């Protein structure tokens, strides 16, 4: 997957606009799938993507669908 471009998102947890981007965890033994990364390193939920963090992969549904379709075409 190509690197996603950062998007601006208003986060209610930190009460300010943050930059988010879609990532795939890398490295051996890491879970597969997607992760939404935020630029707020001081937030206690920064690596969670679990409530009360509002970040979910659904925010990038179109991008994920396009990446999966491209991956399927390469596999043919």
N, C-alpha and C. Protein backbone atom coordinates (compact mmCIF):
# COMPACT_ATOMS: atom_id res chain seq x y z
N UNK A 1 0.84 -1.17 0.00
CA UNK A 1 0.00 0.00 0.00
C UNK A 1 0.89 1.24 0.00
N UNK A 2 0.55 2.20 -0.79
CA UNK A 2 1.32 3.43 -0.79
C UNK A 2 1.07 4.18 0.52
N UNK A 3 2.00 5.03 0.85
CA UNK A 3 1.84 5.80 2.09
C UNK A 3 0.61 6.69 1.99
N UNK A 4 -0.19 6.66 3.03
CA UNK A 4 -1.38 7.51 3.00
C UNK A 4 -0.98 8.94 3.36
N UNK A 5 -1.75 9.86 2.84
CA UNK A 5 -1.50 11.26 3.14
C UNK A 5 -2.21 11.60 4.45
N UNK A 6 -1.60 12.45 5.25
CA UNK A 6 -2.26 12.83 6.50
C UNK A 6 -3.54 13.62 6.24
N UNK A 7 -4.49 13.42 7.12
CA UNK A 7 -5.76 14.16 7.07
C UNK A 7 -5.93 14.90 8.38
N UNK A 8 -6.64 16.00 8.31
CA UNK A 8 -6.96 16.72 9.53
C UNK A 8 -8.24 16.13 10.11
N UNK A 9 -8.28 16.01 11.43
CA UNK A 9 -9.42 15.41 12.12
C UNK A 9 -9.56 16.10 13.47
N UNK A 10 -10.78 16.49 13.84
CA UNK A 10 -10.98 17.08 15.16
C UNK A 10 -11.18 15.97 16.17
N UNK A 11 -10.30 15.90 17.13
CA UNK A 11 -10.35 14.86 18.16
C UNK A 11 -10.98 15.43 19.43
N UNK A 12 -12.06 14.81 19.86
CA UNK A 12 -12.72 15.24 21.08
C UNK A 12 -11.97 14.88 22.34
N UNK A 13 -11.06 13.92 22.26
CA UNK A 13 -10.28 13.52 23.44
C UNK A 13 -9.29 14.61 23.82
N UNK A 14 -8.59 15.16 22.83
CA UNK A 14 -7.62 16.23 23.11
C UNK A 14 -8.20 17.61 22.81
N UNK A 15 -9.42 17.66 22.31
CA UNK A 15 -10.14 18.90 22.00
C UNK A 15 -9.37 19.82 21.05
N UNK A 16 -8.80 19.23 20.01
CA UNK A 16 -8.12 20.02 18.99
C UNK A 16 -8.01 19.21 17.71
N UNK A 17 -7.64 19.89 16.63
CA UNK A 17 -7.43 19.21 15.36
C UNK A 17 -6.10 18.47 15.39
N UNK A 18 -6.11 17.26 14.87
CA UNK A 18 -4.91 16.44 14.82
C UNK A 18 -4.72 15.95 13.39
N UNK A 19 -3.54 15.45 13.09
CA UNK A 19 -3.25 14.85 11.80
C UNK A 19 -3.32 13.33 11.96
N UNK A 20 -4.08 12.67 11.09
CA UNK A 20 -4.19 11.22 11.15
C UNK A 20 -3.81 10.63 9.81
N UNK A 21 -3.35 9.38 9.83
CA UNK A 21 -3.06 8.67 8.59
C UNK A 21 -3.26 7.18 8.81
N UNK A 22 -3.54 6.49 7.72
CA UNK A 22 -3.76 5.05 7.76
C UNK A 22 -2.42 4.35 7.66
N UNK A 23 -2.19 3.37 8.51
CA UNK A 23 -0.94 2.61 8.53
C UNK A 23 -1.23 1.12 8.56
N UNK A 24 -0.25 0.35 8.14
CA UNK A 24 -0.28 -1.10 8.33
C UNK A 24 0.86 -1.42 9.27
N UNK A 25 0.58 -2.13 10.35
CA UNK A 25 1.66 -2.47 11.27
C UNK A 25 2.71 -3.31 10.54
N UNK A 26 3.95 -3.00 10.75
CA UNK A 26 5.01 -3.75 10.10
C UNK A 26 5.78 -4.58 11.11
N UNK A 27 6.56 -5.49 10.59
CA UNK A 27 7.40 -6.28 11.46
C UNK A 27 6.89 -7.69 11.66
N UNK A 28 7.80 -8.55 11.94
CA UNK A 28 7.48 -9.96 12.16
C UNK A 28 6.70 -10.14 13.45
N UNK A 29 5.65 -10.95 13.39
CA UNK A 29 4.87 -11.24 14.59
C UNK A 29 3.84 -10.19 14.95
N UNK A 30 3.74 -9.16 14.16
CA UNK A 30 2.74 -8.12 14.43
C UNK A 30 1.42 -8.52 13.80
N UNK A 31 0.30 -8.06 14.37
CA UNK A 31 -1.00 -8.38 13.78
C UNK A 31 -1.15 -7.74 12.41
N UNK A 32 -1.86 -8.43 11.53
CA UNK A 32 -2.12 -7.91 10.20
C UNK A 32 -3.33 -6.98 10.25
N UNK A 33 -3.47 -6.18 9.22
CA UNK A 33 -4.61 -5.27 9.16
C UNK A 33 -4.17 -3.83 9.08
N UNK A 34 -5.05 -2.94 9.47
CA UNK A 34 -4.78 -1.51 9.36
C UNK A 34 -4.89 -0.85 10.72
N UNK A 35 -4.29 0.32 10.83
CA UNK A 35 -4.24 1.08 12.06
C UNK A 35 -4.30 2.56 11.70
N UNK A 36 -5.02 3.35 12.48
CA UNK A 36 -5.06 4.79 12.25
C UNK A 36 -4.09 5.44 13.23
N UNK A 37 -3.09 6.11 12.68
CA UNK A 37 -2.06 6.75 13.49
C UNK A 37 -2.36 8.23 13.64
N UNK A 38 -2.17 8.74 14.83
CA UNK A 38 -2.42 10.14 15.16
C UNK A 38 -1.08 10.80 15.52
N UNK A 39 -0.98 12.10 15.32
CA UNK A 39 0.27 12.80 15.62
C UNK A 39 0.35 13.31 17.06
N UNK A 40 -0.61 12.97 17.90
CA UNK A 40 -0.62 13.45 19.29
C UNK A 40 0.08 12.45 20.20
N UNK A 41 1.37 12.57 20.34
CA UNK A 41 2.13 11.60 21.15
C UNK A 41 1.84 11.72 22.64
N UNK A 42 1.29 12.86 23.09
CA UNK A 42 0.98 13.03 24.50
C UNK A 42 -0.35 12.41 24.91
N UNK A 43 -1.16 12.01 23.93
CA UNK A 43 -2.46 11.41 24.24
C UNK A 43 -2.27 9.99 24.76
N UNK A 44 -2.97 9.64 25.82
CA UNK A 44 -2.81 8.31 26.40
C UNK A 44 -3.39 7.20 25.52
N UNK A 45 -4.20 7.56 24.52
CA UNK A 45 -4.82 6.58 23.64
C UNK A 45 -4.16 6.53 22.27
N UNK A 46 -2.99 7.14 22.11
CA UNK A 46 -2.38 7.35 20.79
C UNK A 46 -2.20 6.06 19.99
N UNK A 47 -1.90 4.95 20.61
CA UNK A 47 -1.69 3.70 19.88
C UNK A 47 -2.81 2.69 20.09
N UNK A 48 -3.95 3.13 20.57
CA UNK A 48 -5.02 2.20 20.93
C UNK A 48 -6.06 1.96 19.85
N UNK A 49 -6.59 3.02 19.25
CA UNK A 49 -7.74 2.93 18.34
C UNK A 49 -8.90 2.20 19.01
N UNK A 50 -9.06 2.42 20.31
CA UNK A 50 -10.15 1.84 21.08
C UNK A 50 -10.80 2.98 21.87
N UNK A 51 -12.11 2.86 22.16
CA UNK A 51 -12.79 3.93 22.91
C UNK A 51 -12.04 4.24 24.20
N UNK A 52 -11.99 5.50 24.55
CA UNK A 52 -12.71 6.65 24.00
C UNK A 52 -12.03 7.28 22.78
N UNK A 53 -10.96 6.72 22.28
CA UNK A 53 -10.31 7.26 21.07
C UNK A 53 -11.29 7.16 19.91
N UNK A 54 -11.54 8.27 19.20
CA UNK A 54 -12.52 8.26 18.11
C UNK A 54 -11.97 7.71 16.79
N UNK A 55 -10.70 7.36 16.74
CA UNK A 55 -10.10 6.91 15.49
C UNK A 55 -10.43 5.45 15.20
N UNK A 56 -10.95 5.22 14.00
CA UNK A 56 -11.23 3.86 13.55
C UNK A 56 -10.83 3.75 12.08
N UNK A 57 -10.64 2.55 11.62
CA UNK A 57 -10.30 2.35 10.21
C UNK A 57 -11.47 2.72 9.30
N UNK A 58 -12.67 2.83 9.84
CA UNK A 58 -13.83 3.24 9.04
C UNK A 58 -13.63 4.65 8.46
N UNK A 59 -12.81 5.46 9.08
CA UNK A 59 -12.52 6.80 8.56
C UNK A 59 -11.79 6.72 7.22
N UNK A 60 -11.18 5.57 6.93
CA UNK A 60 -10.41 5.38 5.71
C UNK A 60 -10.99 4.25 4.85
N UNK A 61 -12.29 4.02 4.95
CA UNK A 61 -12.92 2.89 4.25
C UNK A 61 -12.66 2.90 2.75
N UNK A 62 -12.76 4.06 2.11
CA UNK A 62 -12.53 4.13 0.66
C UNK A 62 -11.09 3.79 0.30
N UNK A 63 -10.15 4.29 1.08
CA UNK A 63 -8.74 4.02 0.84
C UNK A 63 -8.41 2.54 1.03
N UNK A 64 -8.98 1.92 2.06
CA UNK A 64 -8.76 0.50 2.31
C UNK A 64 -9.34 -0.33 1.17
N UNK A 65 -10.54 0.02 0.73
CA UNK A 65 -11.18 -0.72 -0.37
C UNK A 65 -10.33 -0.64 -1.63
N UNK A 66 -9.82 0.54 -1.96
CA UNK A 66 -8.98 0.71 -3.15
C UNK A 66 -7.69 -0.11 -3.03
N UNK A 67 -7.09 -0.13 -1.86
CA UNK A 67 -5.86 -0.89 -1.66
C UNK A 67 -6.11 -2.39 -1.79
N UNK A 68 -7.23 -2.86 -1.26
CA UNK A 68 -7.55 -4.29 -1.33
C UNK A 68 -7.86 -4.70 -2.77
N UNK A 69 -8.55 -3.83 -3.51
CA UNK A 69 -8.84 -4.13 -4.92
C UNK A 69 -7.54 -4.18 -5.73
N UNK A 70 -6.63 -3.26 -5.48
CA UNK A 70 -5.34 -3.25 -6.18
C UNK A 70 -4.54 -4.51 -5.84
N UNK A 71 -4.59 -4.92 -4.59
CA UNK A 71 -3.88 -6.13 -4.15
C UNK A 71 -4.46 -7.36 -4.84
N UNK A 72 -5.79 -7.42 -4.96
CA UNK A 72 -6.45 -8.56 -5.61
C UNK A 72 -6.08 -8.62 -7.09
N UNK A 73 -5.99 -7.47 -7.75
CA UNK A 73 -5.61 -7.45 -9.17
C UNK A 73 -4.18 -7.93 -9.37
N UNK A 74 -3.29 -7.57 -8.45
CA UNK A 74 -1.90 -8.03 -8.56
C UNK A 74 -1.79 -9.53 -8.35
N UNK A 75 -2.70 -10.09 -7.56
CA UNK A 75 -2.66 -11.52 -7.26
C UNK A 75 -3.18 -12.37 -8.41
N UNK A 76 -3.91 -11.78 -9.34
CA UNK A 76 -4.50 -12.53 -10.46
C UNK A 76 -3.45 -12.96 -11.45
